[in-house]
Amino acid sequence: MTTPDPDPRRTPGVETGGGVAPGETPPAEGGTHGISHPEPPELRKGWGAMPLVLIMAIVALVAVGLIAMVVALIA
C-alpha cells in the first residue's frame, strides 16, 4: 500500500532540496494538436418527395373528414 505523502528522500527522481530532475515529469502540453479520431461527416438528408406527398395526402384526408363531420352535425 502506498501512502499519500511519500518520504521525499526515498521518492525516485527527486533531487536534494525537493527539485525534480529534467525529463522526470511529462511536458505540460502535448506535442500533437487536433482531434484524435476523425469525426463522422455531417448528415444532411432532407425529406424526400414521396414521404412529403404521403403526409400531405393524409392531412388532406383528415381535414376532409373533419369538415364532413361538421357539415353532418350542422345539417
Protein backbone atom coordinates (compact mmCIF):
# COMPACT_ATOMS: atom_id res chain seq x y z
CA MET A 1 0.00 0.00 0.00
CA THR A 2 1.34 3.44 -0.87
CA THR A 3 0.99 6.43 1.36
CA PRO A 4 -0.46 9.67 0.00
CA ASP A 5 2.58 11.61 1.26
CA PRO A 6 5.71 9.57 0.47
CA ASP A 7 9.05 10.26 2.05
CA PRO A 8 10.86 12.70 -0.29
CA ARG A 9 14.22 11.08 0.49
CA ARG A 10 13.00 7.79 -0.99
CA THR A 11 10.99 9.18 -3.93
CA PRO A 12 12.72 8.44 -7.25
CA GLY A 13 13.56 11.42 -9.45
CA VAL A 14 13.56 13.97 -6.62
CA GLU A 15 16.81 15.85 -6.21
CA THR A 16 18.09 17.16 -2.92
CA GLY A 17 16.19 20.27 -1.97
CA GLY A 18 12.92 18.93 -3.39
CA GLY A 19 13.52 19.73 -7.08
CA VAL A 20 12.81 17.37 -9.92
CA ALA A 21 15.42 16.40 -12.49
CA PRO A 22 14.74 17.41 -16.10
CA GLY A 23 12.89 14.70 -18.00
CA GLU A 24 11.33 13.14 -14.89
CA THR A 25 7.91 14.73 -15.43
CA PRO A 26 5.79 14.77 -18.59
CA PRO A 27 5.58 18.00 -20.59
CA ALA A 28 2.87 20.49 -19.68
CA GLU A 29 1.32 20.34 -23.15
CA GLY A 30 1.03 17.61 -25.73
CA GLY A 31 3.22 17.69 -28.78
CA THR A 32 0.34 16.96 -31.13
CA HIS A 33 -2.72 19.00 -31.93
CA GLY A 34 -6.10 18.41 -33.50
CA ILE A 35 -8.61 15.66 -32.93
CA SER A 36 -7.57 12.14 -32.02
CA HIS A 37 -10.02 10.41 -34.38
CA PRO A 38 -11.91 11.52 -37.47
CA GLU A 39 -15.39 12.83 -36.85
CA PRO A 40 -18.26 11.37 -38.86
CA PRO A 41 -19.45 13.56 -41.72
CA GLU A 42 -22.41 15.78 -41.00
CA LEU A 43 -25.58 14.13 -42.27
CA ARG A 44 -27.91 16.49 -44.09
CA LYS A 45 -30.52 14.23 -45.55
CA GLY A 46 -33.78 16.06 -46.06
CA TRP A 47 -37.21 14.64 -46.58
CA GLY A 48 -37.75 13.04 -49.96
CA ALA A 49 -40.66 13.99 -52.22
CA MET A 50 -42.65 10.78 -51.64
CA PRO A 51 -42.88 10.98 -47.80
CA LEU A 52 -43.95 14.63 -48.02
CA VAL A 53 -46.67 13.80 -50.57
CA LEU A 54 -47.96 10.96 -48.38
CA ILE A 55 -48.04 13.16 -45.28
CA MET A 56 -49.88 15.93 -47.15
CA ALA A 57 -52.39 13.39 -48.53
CA ILE A 58 -53.12 12.04 -45.05
CA VAL A 59 -53.53 15.56 -43.64
CA ALA A 60 -55.90 16.42 -46.50
CA LEU A 61 -57.98 13.27 -45.89
CA VAL A 62 -58.25 14.04 -42.18
CA ALA A 63 -59.24 17.64 -42.94
CA VAL A 64 -61.92 16.49 -45.42
CA GLY A 65 -63.24 14.02 -42.84
CA LEU A 66 -63.45 16.69 -40.13
CA ILE A 67 -65.19 19.11 -42.48
CA ALA A 68 -67.67 16.36 -43.44
CA MET A 69 -68.37 15.68 -39.74
CA VAL A 70 -69.03 19.38 -39.08
CA VAL A 71 -71.37 19.60 -42.11
CA ALA A 72 -73.22 16.45 -40.93
CA LEU A 73 -73.71 17.95 -37.45
CA ILE A 74 -75.00 21.25 -38.80
CA ALA A 75 -77.38 19.77 -41.37
